[in-house]
PDB file of N, CA and C in Angstrom:
ATOM      1  N   MET A   1       1.845 -10.865  -8.511  1.00  0.00           N
ATOM      2  CA  MET A   1       2.839  -9.422  -8.073  1.00  0.00           C
ATOM      3  C   MET A   1       3.789  -7.991  -8.657  1.00  0.00           C
ATOM      4  N   ASN A   2       3.819  -7.878  -9.617  1.00  0.00           N
ATOM      5  CA  ASN A   2       4.638  -7.437 -10.710  1.00  0.00           C
ATOM      6  C   ASN A   2       4.024  -5.804  -9.600  1.00  0.00           C
ATOM      7  N   ASP A   3       2.809  -5.825 -10.086  1.00  0.00           N
ATOM      8  CA  ASP A   3       1.487  -4.651  -9.172  1.00  0.00           C
ATOM      9  C   ASP A   3       2.489  -3.839  -7.520  1.00  0.00           C
ATOM     10  N   THR A   4       2.806  -5.161  -7.003  1.00  0.00           N
ATOM     11  CA  THR A   4       2.790  -5.558  -5.494  1.00  0.00           C
ATOM     12  C   THR A   4       3.521  -4.731  -5.658  1.00  0.00           C
ATOM     13  N   PHE A   5       4.830  -4.852  -5.818  1.00  0.00           N
ATOM     14  CA  PHE A   5       6.141  -4.118  -6.232  1.00  0.00           C
ATOM     15  C   PHE A   5       6.054  -3.125  -6.722  1.00  0.00           C
ATOM     16  N   LYS A   6       6.005  -2.891  -7.464  1.00  0.00           N
ATOM     17  CA  LYS A   6       5.570  -1.394  -8.675  1.00  0.00           C
ATOM     18  C   LYS A   6       4.935  -0.394  -7.639  1.00  0.00           C
ATOM     19  N   ALA A   7       3.958  -0.601  -7.280  1.00  0.00           N
ATOM     20  CA  ALA A   7       3.234  -0.021  -5.783  1.00  0.00           C
ATOM     21  C   ALA A   7       4.008   0.778  -5.011  1.00  0.00           C
ATOM     22  N   LEU A   8       4.950  -0.564  -4.606  1.00  0.00           N
ATOM     23  CA  LEU A   8       5.848  -0.712  -2.986  1.00  0.00           C
ATOM     24  C   LEU A   8       6.682   0.084  -3.663  1.00  0.00           C
ATOM     25  N   SER A   9       7.459   0.521  -5.073  1.00  0.00           N
ATOM     26  CA  SER A   9       8.363   1.529  -5.483  1.00  0.00           C
ATOM     27  C   SER A   9       8.449   2.863  -4.984  1.00  0.00           C
ATOM     28  N   ASP A  10       7.632   3.328  -4.644  1.00  0.00           N
ATOM     29  CA  ASP A  10       6.936   4.627  -4.711  1.00  0.00           C
ATOM     30  C   ASP A  10       7.466   5.063  -3.469  1.00  0.00           C
ATOM     31  N   PRO A  11       8.476   6.030  -2.516  1.00  0.00           N
ATOM     32  CA  PRO A  11       8.463   6.539  -1.164  1.00  0.00           C
ATOM     33  C   PRO A  11       6.523   6.884  -0.860  1.00  0.00           C
ATOM     34  N   THR A  12       6.054   7.213  -0.997  1.00  0.00           N
ATOM     35  CA  THR A  12       4.500   8.531  -0.966  1.00  0.00           C
ATOM     36  C   THR A  12       4.025   6.462  -1.009  1.00  0.00           C
ATOM     37  N   ARG A  13       4.005   6.068  -1.465  1.00  0.00           N
ATOM     38  CA  ARG A  13       2.806   5.241  -1.355  1.00  0.00           C
ATOM     39  C   ARG A  13       3.143   4.230   0.043  1.00  0.00           C
ATOM     40  N   ARG A  14       4.581   3.771   0.241  1.00  0.00           N
ATOM     41  CA  ARG A  14       5.216   3.597   1.099  1.00  0.00           C
ATOM     42  C   ARG A  14       5.218   4.062   2.665  1.00  0.00           C
ATOM     43  N   GLN A  15       4.421   5.216   2.601  1.00  0.00           N
ATOM     44  CA  GLN A  15       4.409   7.185   3.993  1.00  0.00           C
ATOM     45  C   GLN A  15       3.261   6.244   3.816  1.00  0.00           C
ATOM     46  N   ILE A  16       2.503   5.692   3.016  1.00  0.00           N
ATOM     47  CA  ILE A  16       0.837   5.821   2.843  1.00  0.00           C
ATOM     48  C   ILE A  16       0.552   4.502   4.209  1.00  0.00           C
ATOM     49  N   LEU A  17       1.077   3.971   3.371  1.00  0.00           N
ATOM     50  CA  LEU A  17       1.610   1.971   4.516  1.00  0.00           C
ATOM     51  C   LEU A  17       1.223   2.703   5.493  1.00  0.00           C
ATOM     52  N   LYS A  18       2.539   2.980   6.126  1.00  0.00           N
ATOM     53  CA  LYS A  18       2.674   2.578   7.271  1.00  0.00           C
ATOM     54  C   LYS A  18       1.925   3.887   8.190  1.00  0.00           C
ATOM     55  N   LEU A  19       0.871   5.069   7.023  1.00  0.00           N
ATOM     56  CA  LEU A  19      -0.284   5.329   8.092  1.00  0.00           C
ATOM     57  C   LEU A  19      -0.800   3.955   8.034  1.00  0.00           C
ATOM     58  N   LEU A  20      -1.459   3.845   7.394  1.00  0.00           N
ATOM     59  CA  LEU A  20      -2.234   2.950   7.496  1.00  0.00           C
ATOM     60  C   LEU A  20      -2.517   1.769   8.272  1.00  0.00           C
ATOM     61  N   LYS A  21      -0.556   1.472   8.604  1.00  0.00           N
ATOM     62  CA  LYS A  21      -0.657   0.443   9.946  1.00  0.00           C
ATOM     63  C   LYS A  21      -1.112   0.640  10.562  1.00  0.00           C
ATOM     64  N   GLU A  22      -0.929   1.851  11.705  1.00  0.00           N
ATOM     65  CA  GLU A  22      -1.492   3.198  12.326  1.00  0.00           C
ATOM     66  C   GLU A  22      -2.998   2.457  12.640  1.00  0.00           C
ATOM     67  N   LYS A  23      -3.823   2.904  11.360  1.00  0.00           N
ATOM     68  CA  LYS A  23      -5.191   2.864  11.671  1.00  0.00           C
ATOM     69  C   LYS A  23      -5.856   3.016  10.294  1.00  0.00           C
ATOM     70  N   ASP A  24      -7.245   2.699  10.072  1.00  0.00           N
ATOM     71  CA  ASP A  24      -7.409   3.197   8.722  1.00  0.00           C
ATOM     72  C   ASP A  24      -8.125   4.296   8.883  1.00  0.00           C
ATOM     73  N   LEU A  25      -7.966   4.956   7.442  1.00  0.00           N
ATOM     74  CA  LEU A  25      -7.921   7.051   7.475  1.00  0.00           C
ATOM     75  C   LEU A  25      -8.477   6.611   6.281  1.00  0.00           C
ATOM     76  N   SER A  26      -9.541   8.178   5.981  1.00  0.00           N
ATOM     77  CA  SER A  26     -10.098   8.285   4.821  1.00  0.00           C
ATOM     78  C   SER A  26      -8.944   8.568   3.821  1.00  0.00           C
ATOM     79  N   ALA A  27      -9.781   9.492   2.466  1.00  0.00           N
ATOM     80  CA  ALA A  27      -8.276   9.839   1.600  1.00  0.00           C
ATOM     81  C   ALA A  27      -7.970  11.320   2.194  1.00  0.00           C
ATOM     82  N   GLY A  28      -8.820  11.908   2.613  1.00  0.00           N
ATOM     83  CA  GLY A  28      -8.531  13.249   3.359  1.00  0.00           C
ATOM     84  C   GLY A  28      -7.439  13.080   4.217  1.00  0.00           C
ATOM     85  N   GLU A  29      -7.960  12.707   5.378  1.00  0.00           N
ATOM     86  CA  GLU A  29      -7.056  12.299   6.627  1.00  0.00           C
ATOM     87  C   GLU A  29      -5.646  11.682   5.728  1.00  0.00           C
ATOM     88  N   ILE A  30      -5.476  10.647   5.417  1.00  0.00           N
ATOM     89  CA  ILE A  30      -4.412  10.786   3.821  1.00  0.00           C
ATOM     90  C   ILE A  30      -3.295  12.071   3.569  1.00  0.00           C
ATOM     91  N   ALA A  31      -4.406  12.859   2.769  1.00  0.00           N
ATOM     92  CA  ALA A  31      -4.278  13.499   2.533  1.00  0.00           C
ATOM     93  C   ALA A  31      -3.420  14.638   3.212  1.00  0.00           C
ATOM     94  N   ASP A  32      -3.991  15.127   4.144  1.00  0.00           N
ATOM     95  CA  ASP A  32      -3.036  15.818   5.064  1.00  0.00           C
ATOM     96  C   ASP A  32      -2.187  15.669   5.855  1.00  0.00           C
ATOM     97  N   HIS A  33      -1.298  14.001   5.133  1.00  0.00           N
ATOM     98  CA  HIS A  33       0.193  13.770   5.810  1.00  0.00           C
ATOM     99  C   HIS A  33       0.759  14.692   4.766  1.00  0.00           C
ATOM    100  N   PHE A  34       0.375  14.807   3.706  1.00  0.00           N
ATOM    101  CA  PHE A  34       1.203  15.151   2.616  1.00  0.00           C
ATOM    102  C   PHE A  34       1.487  16.518   2.624  1.00  0.00           C
ATOM    103  N   GLN A  35       2.707  17.141   1.437  1.00  0.00           N
ATOM    104  CA  GLN A  35       2.208  18.025   0.759  1.00  0.00           C
ATOM    105  C   GLN A  35       1.903  18.106  -1.232  1.00  0.00           C
ATOM    106  N   MET A  36       0.701  17.564  -1.141  1.00  0.00           N
ATOM    107  CA  MET A  36       0.621  17.518  -2.113  1.00  0.00           C
ATOM    108  C   MET A  36      -0.879  17.176  -2.432  1.00  0.00           C
ATOM    109  N   SER A  37      -1.328  17.565  -4.039  1.00  0.00           N
ATOM    110  CA  SER A  37      -3.065  17.411  -3.845  1.00  0.00           C
ATOM    111  C   SER A  37      -3.931  16.702  -3.737  1.00  0.00           C
ATOM    112  N   LYS A  38      -5.016  16.631  -2.948  1.00  0.00           N
ATOM    113  CA  LYS A  38      -6.059  15.470  -3.100  1.00  0.00           C
ATOM    114  C   LYS A  38      -5.655  14.901  -4.255  1.00  0.00           C
ATOM    115  N   PRO A  39      -6.247  15.114  -5.487  1.00  0.00           N
ATOM    116  CA  PRO A  39      -6.167  14.058  -6.631  1.00  0.00           C
ATOM    117  C   PRO A  39      -4.603  13.556  -6.924  1.00  0.00           C
ATOM    118  N   SER A  40      -3.147  14.110  -6.111  1.00  0.00           N
ATOM    119  CA  SER A  40      -2.055  12.849  -6.814  1.00  0.00           C
ATOM    120  C   SER A  40      -2.434  11.958  -5.083  1.00  0.00           C
ATOM    121  N   ILE A  41      -3.195  12.062  -4.371  1.00  0.00           N
ATOM    122  CA  ILE A  41      -2.485  11.278  -3.260  1.00  0.00           C
ATOM    123  C   ILE A  41      -3.560  10.170  -3.552  1.00  0.00           C
ATOM    124  N   SER A  42      -5.415  10.401  -4.775  1.00  0.00           N
ATOM    125  CA  SER A  42      -6.125   9.567  -5.280  1.00  0.00           C
ATOM    126  C   SER A  42      -5.685   9.121  -5.889  1.00  0.00           C
ATOM    127  N   HIS A  43      -4.498   9.762  -6.443  1.00  0.00           N
ATOM    128  CA  HIS A  43      -4.106   8.419  -7.547  1.00  0.00           C
ATOM    129  C   HIS A  43      -2.817   7.132  -7.187  1.00  0.00           C
ATOM    130  N   HIS A  44      -1.951   7.577  -6.110  1.00  0.00           N
ATOM    131  CA  HIS A  44      -1.349   7.122  -5.803  1.00  0.00           C
ATOM    132  C   HIS A  44      -2.761   5.262  -4.835  1.00  0.00           C
ATOM    133  N   LEU A  45      -3.625   6.097  -4.344  1.00  0.00           N
ATOM    134  CA  LEU A  45      -4.249   4.957  -3.788  1.00  0.00           C
ATOM    135  C   LEU A  45      -4.722   4.210  -4.482  1.00  0.00           C
ATOM    136  N   ASN A  46      -5.378   4.835  -5.755  1.00  0.00           N
ATOM    137  CA  ASN A  46      -6.052   4.086  -7.120  1.00  0.00           C
ATOM    138  C   ASN A  46      -4.819   3.054  -7.773  1.00  0.00           C
ATOM    139  N   VAL A  47      -3.628   3.556  -7.298  1.00  0.00           N
ATOM    140  CA  VAL A  47      -2.410   2.341  -7.780  1.00  0.00           C
ATOM    141  C   VAL A  47      -2.382   1.317  -6.824  1.00  0.00           C
ATOM    142  N   MET A  48      -2.694   1.498  -5.874  1.00  0.00           N
ATOM    143  CA  MET A  48      -2.482   0.576  -4.696  1.00  0.00           C
ATOM    144  C   MET A  48      -3.934  -0.296  -4.166  1.00  0.00           C
ATOM    145  N   LYS A  49      -4.455   0.402  -4.945  1.00  0.00           N
ATOM    146  CA  LYS A  49      -5.816   0.041  -4.523  1.00  0.00           C
ATOM    147  C   LYS A  49      -5.826  -1.355  -6.082  1.00  0.00           C
ATOM    148  N   GLN A  50      -5.421  -1.187  -6.649  1.00  0.00           N
ATOM    149  CA  GLN A  50      -5.218  -2.154  -8.044  1.00  0.00           C
ATOM    150  C   GLN A  50      -3.883  -2.984  -7.459  1.00  0.00           C
ATOM    151  N   ALA A  51      -3.384  -3.124  -7.154  1.00  0.00           N
ATOM    152  CA  ALA A  51      -1.543  -3.480  -6.052  1.00  0.00           C
ATOM    153  C   ALA A  51      -2.917  -4.744  -5.027  1.00  0.00           C
ATOM    154  N   LYS A  52      -4.112  -4.434  -5.012  1.00  0.00           N
ATOM    155  CA  LYS A  52      -4.695  -4.710  -3.679  1.00  0.00           C
ATOM    156  C   LYS A  52      -3.185  -4.800  -1.998  1.00  0.00           C
ATOM    157  N   LEU A  53      -3.161  -3.945  -2.284  1.00  0.00           N
ATOM    158  CA  LEU A  53      -1.910  -3.550  -0.866  1.00  0.00           C
ATOM    159  C   LEU A  53      -3.269  -2.410  -0.133  1.00  0.00           C
ATOM    160  N   VAL A  54      -4.527  -1.465  -0.816  1.00  0.00           N
ATOM    161  CA  VAL A  54      -5.255  -1.844   0.751  1.00  0.00           C
ATOM    162  C   VAL A  54      -6.746  -2.034   0.231  1.00  0.00           C
ATOM    163  N   LEU A  55      -7.271  -1.769   1.087  1.00  0.00           N
ATOM    164  CA  LEU A  55      -9.179  -2.361   0.715  1.00  0.00           C
ATOM    165  C   LEU A  55      -9.467  -0.952   0.531  1.00  0.00           C
ATOM    166  N   ASP A  56     -10.901  -0.350  -0.183  1.00  0.00           N
ATOM    167  CA  ASP A  56     -11.520   0.658   0.369  1.00  0.00           C
ATOM    168  C   ASP A  56     -13.090  -0.070   1.100  1.00  0.00           C
ATOM    169  N   GLU A  57     -14.269   1.023   2.243  1.00  0.00           N
ATOM    170  CA  GLU A  57     -15.036   0.942   2.143  1.00  0.00           C
ATOM    171  C   GLU A  57     -15.654   2.476   2.848  1.00  0.00           C
ATOM    172  N   ARG A  58     -16.826   1.933   1.633  1.00  0.00           N
ATOM    173  CA  ARG A  58     -17.632   3.575   1.848  1.00  0.00           C
ATOM    174  C   ARG A  58     -18.481   3.373   3.035  1.00  0.00           C
ATOM    175  N   LYS A  59     -18.291   4.948   3.990  1.00  0.00           N
ATOM    176  CA  LYS A  59     -18.605   4.510   5.418  1.00  0.00           C
ATOM    177  C   LYS A  59     -19.216   6.029   5.199  1.00  0.00           C
ATOM    178  N   GLY A  60     -20.882   6.298   4.658  1.00  0.00           N
ATOM    179  CA  GLY A  60     -21.218   7.536   4.343  1.00  0.00           C
ATOM    180  C   GLY A  60     -20.825   8.421   3.082  1.00  0.00           C
ATOM    181  N   GLN A  61     -20.253   9.435   3.753  1.00  0.00           N
ATOM    182  CA  GLN A  61     -19.821  10.566   2.254  1.00  0.00           C
ATOM    183  C   GLN A  61     -17.869   9.624   2.299  1.00  0.00           C
ATOM    184  N   SER A  62     -17.572   8.969   3.005  1.00  0.00           N
ATOM    185  CA  SER A  62     -16.046   8.964   3.294  1.00  0.00           C
ATOM    186  C   SER A  62     -15.915   7.573   2.380  1.00  0.00           C
ATOM    187  N   ILE A  63     -15.498   7.685   1.870  1.00  0.00           N
ATOM    188  CA  ILE A  63     -14.074   6.205   1.834  1.00  0.00           C
ATOM    189  C   ILE A  63     -12.927   5.931   2.553  1.00  0.00           C
ATOM    190  N   ILE A  64     -13.223   4.768   3.507  1.00  0.00           N
ATOM    191  CA  ILE A  64     -11.980   4.004   4.406  1.00  0.00           C
ATOM    192  C   ILE A  64     -11.063   3.505   3.598  1.00  0.00           C
ATOM    193  N   TYR A  65      -9.836   3.439   3.746  1.00  0.00           N
ATOM    194  CA  TYR A  65      -9.204   2.786   3.405  1.00  0.00           C
ATOM    195  C   TYR A  65      -8.280   1.953   4.652  1.00  0.00           C
ATOM    196  N   SER A  66      -8.050   0.552   4.550  1.00  0.00           N
ATOM    197  CA  SER A  66      -7.529  -0.558   5.535  1.00  0.00           C
ATOM    198  C   SER A  66      -5.754  -0.937   4.013  1.00  0.00           C
ATOM    199  N   LEU A  67      -5.181  -1.785   5.598  1.00  0.00           N
ATOM    200  CA  LEU A  67      -4.099  -2.546   4.929  1.00  0.00           C
ATOM    201  C   LEU A  67      -5.041  -3.710   4.969  1.00  0.00           C
ATOM    202  N   ASN A  68      -4.239  -3.789   3.438  1.00  0.00           N
ATOM    203  CA  ASN A  68      -4.161  -5.525   2.780  1.00  0.00           C
ATOM    204  C   ASN A  68      -3.259  -6.318   3.506  1.00  0.00           C
ATOM    205  N   THR A  69      -3.254  -6.208   4.512  1.00  0.00           N
ATOM    206  CA  THR A  69      -2.294  -6.714   5.229  1.00  0.00           C
ATOM    207  C   THR A  69      -1.604  -8.992   4.342  1.00  0.00           C
ATOM    208  N   THR A  70      -2.675  -9.578   4.151  1.00  0.00           N
ATOM    209  CA  THR A  70      -2.557 -10.809   3.212  1.00  0.00           C
ATOM    210  C   THR A  70      -1.653 -10.519   2.171  1.00  0.00           C
ATOM    211  N   VAL A  71      -2.073  -9.364   1.183  1.00  0.00           N
ATOM    212  CA  VAL A  71      -0.966  -9.028   0.084  1.00  0.00           C
ATOM    213  C   VAL A  71       0.622  -8.503   0.172  1.00  0.00           C
ATOM    214  N   ILE A  72       0.658  -8.046   1.575  1.00  0.00           N
ATOM    215  CA  ILE A  72       1.971  -7.649   1.988  1.00  0.00           C
ATOM    216  C   ILE A  72       2.856  -8.980   2.871  1.00  0.00           C
ATOM    217  N   GLN A  73       2.009  -9.514   3.488  1.00  0.00           N
ATOM    218  CA  GLN A  73       2.594 -10.781   4.123  1.00  0.00           C
ATOM    219  C   GLN A  73       2.542 -11.869   2.649  1.00  0.00           C
ATOM    220  N   ASP A  74       2.245 -12.035   1.752  1.00  0.00           N
ATOM    221  CA  ASP A  74       2.386 -12.841   0.280  1.00  0.00           C
ATOM    222  C   ASP A  74       3.577 -11.946  -0.010  1.00  0.00           C
ATOM    223  N   ALA A  75       3.527 -10.919  -0.652  1.00  0.00           N
ATOM    224  CA  ALA A  75       5.046 -10.269  -1.336  1.00  0.00           C
ATOM    225  C   ALA A  75       6.546 -10.359  -0.195  1.00  0.00           C
ATOM    226  N   LEU A  76       5.868 -10.162   0.872  1.00  0.00           N
ATOM    227  CA  LEU A  76       7.471 -10.761   1.882  1.00  0.00           C
ATOM    228  C   LEU A  76       8.126 -12.386   1.704  1.00  0.00           C
ATOM    229  N   GLY A  77       6.467 -13.050   1.815  1.00  0.00           N
ATOM    230  CA  GLY A  77       6.923 -14.362   1.957  1.00  0.00           C
ATOM    231  C   GLY A  77       7.745 -14.729   0.279  1.00  0.00           C
ATOM    232  N   TRP A  78       7.652 -13.914  -0.758  1.00  0.00           N
ATOM    233  CA  TRP A  78       7.893 -14.158  -1.765  1.00  0.00           C
ATOM    234  C   TRP A  78       9.689 -14.172  -1.626  1.00  0.00           C
ATOM    235  N   LEU A  79       9.520 -12.550  -1.205  1.00  0.00           N
ATOM    236  CA  LEU A  79      10.962 -12.412  -0.780  1.00  0.00           C
ATOM    237  C   LEU A  79      11.654 -13.038  -0.407  1.00  0.00           C
ATOM    238  N   MET A  80      11.981 -13.197   0.460  1.00  0.00           N
ATOM    239  CA  MET A  80      12.420 -13.619   1.436  1.00  0.00           C
ATOM    240  C   MET A  80      12.549 -15.689   1.400  1.00  0.00           C
ATOM    241  N   ASP A  81      11.781 -15.749   0.374  1.00  0.00           N
ATOM    242  CA  ASP A  81      12.013 -17.256  -0.799  1.00  0.00           C
ATOM    243  C   ASP A  81      12.768 -16.918  -1.642  1.00  0.00           C
ATOM    244  N   PHE A  82      12.856 -15.627  -1.997  1.00  0.00           N
ATOM    245  CA  PHE A  82      13.886 -15.965  -2.927  1.00  0.00           C
ATOM    246  C   PHE A  82      15.255 -15.535  -2.637  1.00  0.00           C
ATOM    247  N   THR A  83      15.258 -14.723  -1.367  1.00  0.00           N
ATOM    248  CA  THR A  83      16.788 -14.914  -0.869  1.00  0.00           C
ATOM    249  C   THR A  83      17.305 -16.415  -0.124  1.00  0.00           C
ATOM    250  N   HIS A  84      16.777 -16.604   0.324  1.00  0.00           N
ATOM    251  CA  HIS A  84      16.857 -18.213   1.005  1.00  0.00           C
ATOM    252  C   HIS A  84      16.952 -18.540  -0.458  1.00  0.00           C
ATOM    253  N   LYS A  85      16.892 -18.915  -1.381  1.00  0.00           N
ATOM    254  CA  LYS A  85      17.064 -19.854  -2.770  1.00  0.00           C
ATOM    255  C   LYS A  85      18.875 -18.908  -2.462  1.00  0.00           C
ATOM    256  N   ASP A  86      18.520 -17.896  -2.836  1.00  0.00           N
ATOM    257  CA  ASP A  86      20.384 -17.206  -2.924  1.00  0.00           C
ATOM    258  C   ASP A  86      20.855 -17.811  -2.137  1.00  0.00           C
ATOM    259  N   GLU A  87      20.896 -18.250  -1.012  1.00  0.00           N
ATOM    260  CA  GLU A  87      21.789 -18.164   0.432  1.00  0.00           C
ATOM    261  C   GLU A  87      22.579 -19.565   0.104  1.00  0.00           C
ATOM    262  N   GLY A  88      21.869 -20.126  -0.060  1.00  0.00           N
ATOM    263  CA  GLY A  88      21.863 -21.799  -1.309  1.00  0.00           C
ATOM    264  C   GLY A  88      23.438 -22.033  -2.342  1.00  0.00           C
ATOM    265  N   GLY A  89      23.784 -20.580  -2.352  1.00  0.00           N
ATOM    266  CA  GLY A  89      24.615 -20.663  -3.896  1.00  0.00           C
ATOM    267  C   GLY A  89      24.465 -20.733  -4.992  1.00  0.00           C
ATOM    268  N   SER A  90      22.948 -21.401  -5.495  1.00  0.00           N
ATOM    269  CA  SER A  90      22.332 -21.334  -6.990  1.00  0.00           C
ATOM    270  C   SER A  90      22.680 -20.356  -7.598  1.00  0.00           C
TER     271      SER A  90
END
């Protein structure tokens, strides 16, 4: 879970997740949305892969990235549970 929250702490990574929410994209297509180098985008994608926030699949010469909704749902569930316990005055 620590890797997930570390990955989510970066605004660029959150923006990449928003893009992947719309559709699966290659690294190049993701990079087209940012004013940074492709190696920097690759670094962000690797961090997100390590945290299991994104999945990658090779299609020909490209690697296509997709959102791993299971991990995001798990993180949201943890946050909701944490918040719910705090409301009880514990």
